[in-house]
Amino acid sequence: MKYVDGFVVAVPAKNKEAYREMAAKAAPLFKEFGATRVVECWADDVPDGKQTDFRMAVKAEEGEEIVFSWIEYPSKEIRDAANQKLMADPRMKEFGDSMPFDGKRMIYGGFAPLLDE
């Protein structure tokens, strides 16, 4: 069964192109280690909520936009192995040293699909 890692992060609007470039360089690494699909989405219609919303979830600040992303894997086992390999790969450290956003406010998690049509 497929497995999905999901992410939400606040990115300064001025860093949109830097984020896109970073994501374009990182996607092949995820695929090298087993991902079948990498999707990065820039906020287009993300309303402010009264109780909670995407912006609140990542403590977005003035001038930041929301990025919603997911990475698909064939299984949780392949995802777990991929994450171990990614964390040991020096190319990933390069991304960590130059992220165009505050990684401490990223929210993420692994998900088992309930419906996939």
Protein backbone atom coordinates (compact mmCIF):
# COMPACT_ATOMS: atom_id res chain seq x y z
CA MET A 1 0.00 0.00 0.00
CA LYS A 2 1.22 3.51 -0.79
CA TYR A 3 2.55 5.79 1.92
CA VAL A 4 2.62 9.59 1.94
CA ASP A 5 4.76 12.10 3.79
CA GLY A 6 3.00 15.46 4.09
CA PHE A 7 4.50 18.88 4.87
CA VAL A 8 3.31 22.42 5.51
CA VAL A 9 5.78 25.28 5.81
CA ALA A 10 5.78 29.08 5.77
CA VAL A 11 8.11 30.57 3.16
CA PRO A 12 8.90 34.27 2.77
CA ALA A 13 7.17 35.39 -0.42
CA LYS A 14 10.44 36.92 -1.61
CA ASN A 15 11.99 33.40 -1.44
CA LYS A 16 9.45 31.73 -3.73
CA GLU A 17 11.92 31.12 -6.56
CA ALA A 18 14.67 30.00 -4.16
CA TYR A 19 12.21 27.53 -2.63
CA ARG A 20 11.19 26.24 -6.07
CA GLU A 21 14.84 25.78 -7.03
CA MET A 22 15.60 23.94 -3.76
CA ALA A 23 12.56 21.69 -4.25
CA ALA A 24 13.55 20.95 -7.87
CA LYS A 25 17.02 19.89 -6.71
CA ALA A 26 15.72 17.82 -3.79
CA ALA A 27 13.01 15.90 -5.69
CA PRO A 28 15.48 13.68 -7.60
CA LEU A 29 17.11 12.68 -4.29
CA PHE A 30 13.78 11.56 -2.86
CA LYS A 31 13.11 9.62 -6.06
CA GLU A 32 16.60 8.10 -6.01
CA PHE A 33 15.78 6.58 -2.62
CA GLY A 34 12.31 5.30 -3.50
CA ALA A 35 9.76 8.12 -3.79
CA THR A 36 7.40 7.77 -6.73
CA ARG A 37 6.06 11.33 -6.68
CA VAL A 38 7.04 14.68 -5.16
CA VAL A 39 4.52 17.54 -5.17
CA GLU A 40 5.15 21.13 -4.02
CA CYS A 41 2.23 23.58 -3.92
CA TRP A 42 2.42 27.36 -3.33
CA ALA A 43 -0.60 28.91 -1.56
CA ASP A 44 -3.22 30.29 -3.91
CA ASP A 45 -6.49 30.25 -1.96
CA VAL A 46 -5.67 29.71 1.73
CA PRO A 47 -8.21 31.50 3.93
CA ASP A 48 -7.55 32.79 7.43
CA GLY A 49 -9.47 30.79 10.02
CA LYS A 50 -10.99 31.80 13.34
CA GLN A 51 -9.86 28.77 15.35
CA THR A 52 -7.09 27.31 13.22
CA ASP A 53 -5.72 27.39 9.69
CA PHE A 54 -2.58 26.61 7.71
CA ARG A 55 -0.98 29.95 8.61
CA MET A 56 -1.53 29.44 12.34
CA ALA A 57 -0.27 25.87 12.14
CA VAL A 58 3.18 27.01 11.00
CA LYS A 59 3.12 30.38 12.77
CA ALA A 60 3.38 32.22 9.46
CA GLU A 61 4.59 35.76 9.78
CA GLU A 62 3.82 38.86 7.73
CA GLY A 63 5.19 38.43 4.21
CA GLU A 64 5.22 34.63 4.33
CA GLU A 65 3.20 32.26 2.16
CA ILE A 66 2.18 28.67 2.78
CA VAL A 67 3.67 25.70 0.94
CA PHE A 68 1.81 22.38 1.08
CA SER A 69 3.82 19.38 -0.11
CA TRP A 70 3.69 15.64 -0.22
CA ILE A 71 5.94 12.79 -1.21
CA GLU A 72 4.50 9.44 -2.25
CA TYR A 73 6.21 6.10 -1.66
CA PRO A 74 5.20 2.56 -2.63
CA SER A 75 5.08 1.57 1.09
CA LYS A 76 5.91 2.75 4.60
CA GLU A 77 8.90 0.40 4.64
CA ILE A 78 10.37 2.03 1.52
CA ARG A 79 9.70 5.47 3.00
CA ASP A 80 11.41 4.53 6.28
CA ALA A 81 14.46 3.19 4.43
CA ALA A 82 14.51 6.29 2.20
CA ASN A 83 14.47 8.61 5.21
CA GLN A 84 17.45 6.80 6.76
CA LYS A 85 19.40 7.08 3.51
CA LEU A 86 18.42 10.73 3.05
CA MET A 87 19.52 11.70 6.54
CA ALA A 88 22.92 10.07 5.92
CA ASP A 89 23.39 11.63 2.48
CA PRO A 90 25.69 14.69 2.42
CA ARG A 91 23.61 16.24 -0.36
CA MET A 92 20.72 16.63 2.10
CA LYS A 93 22.95 18.53 4.51
CA GLU A 94 23.56 21.09 1.76
CA PHE A 95 19.82 21.73 1.61
CA GLY A 96 19.63 22.05 5.39
CA ASP A 97 22.37 24.66 5.38
CA SER A 98 20.60 26.90 2.86
CA MET A 99 16.85 26.45 3.32
CA PRO A 100 14.89 29.53 2.18
CA PHE A 101 12.49 29.17 5.15
CA ASP A 102 12.48 28.48 8.90
CA GLY A 103 12.51 24.70 9.15
CA LYS A 104 11.67 24.82 12.86
CA ARG A 105 8.11 25.83 11.97
CA MET A 106 7.55 23.08 9.40
CA ILE A 107 4.88 20.54 10.28
CA TYR A 108 5.09 17.09 8.76
CA GLY A 109 3.96 13.53 9.19
CA GLY A 110 3.52 10.17 7.53
CA PHE A 111 0.11 9.06 6.32
CA ALA A 112 -1.48 5.81 5.17
CA PRO A 113 -4.03 6.61 2.43
CA LEU A 114 -7.70 5.92 3.15
CA LEU A 115 -8.89 6.69 -0.39
CA ASP A 116 -6.96 7.02 -3.63
CA GLU A 117 -9.11 7.39 -6.75
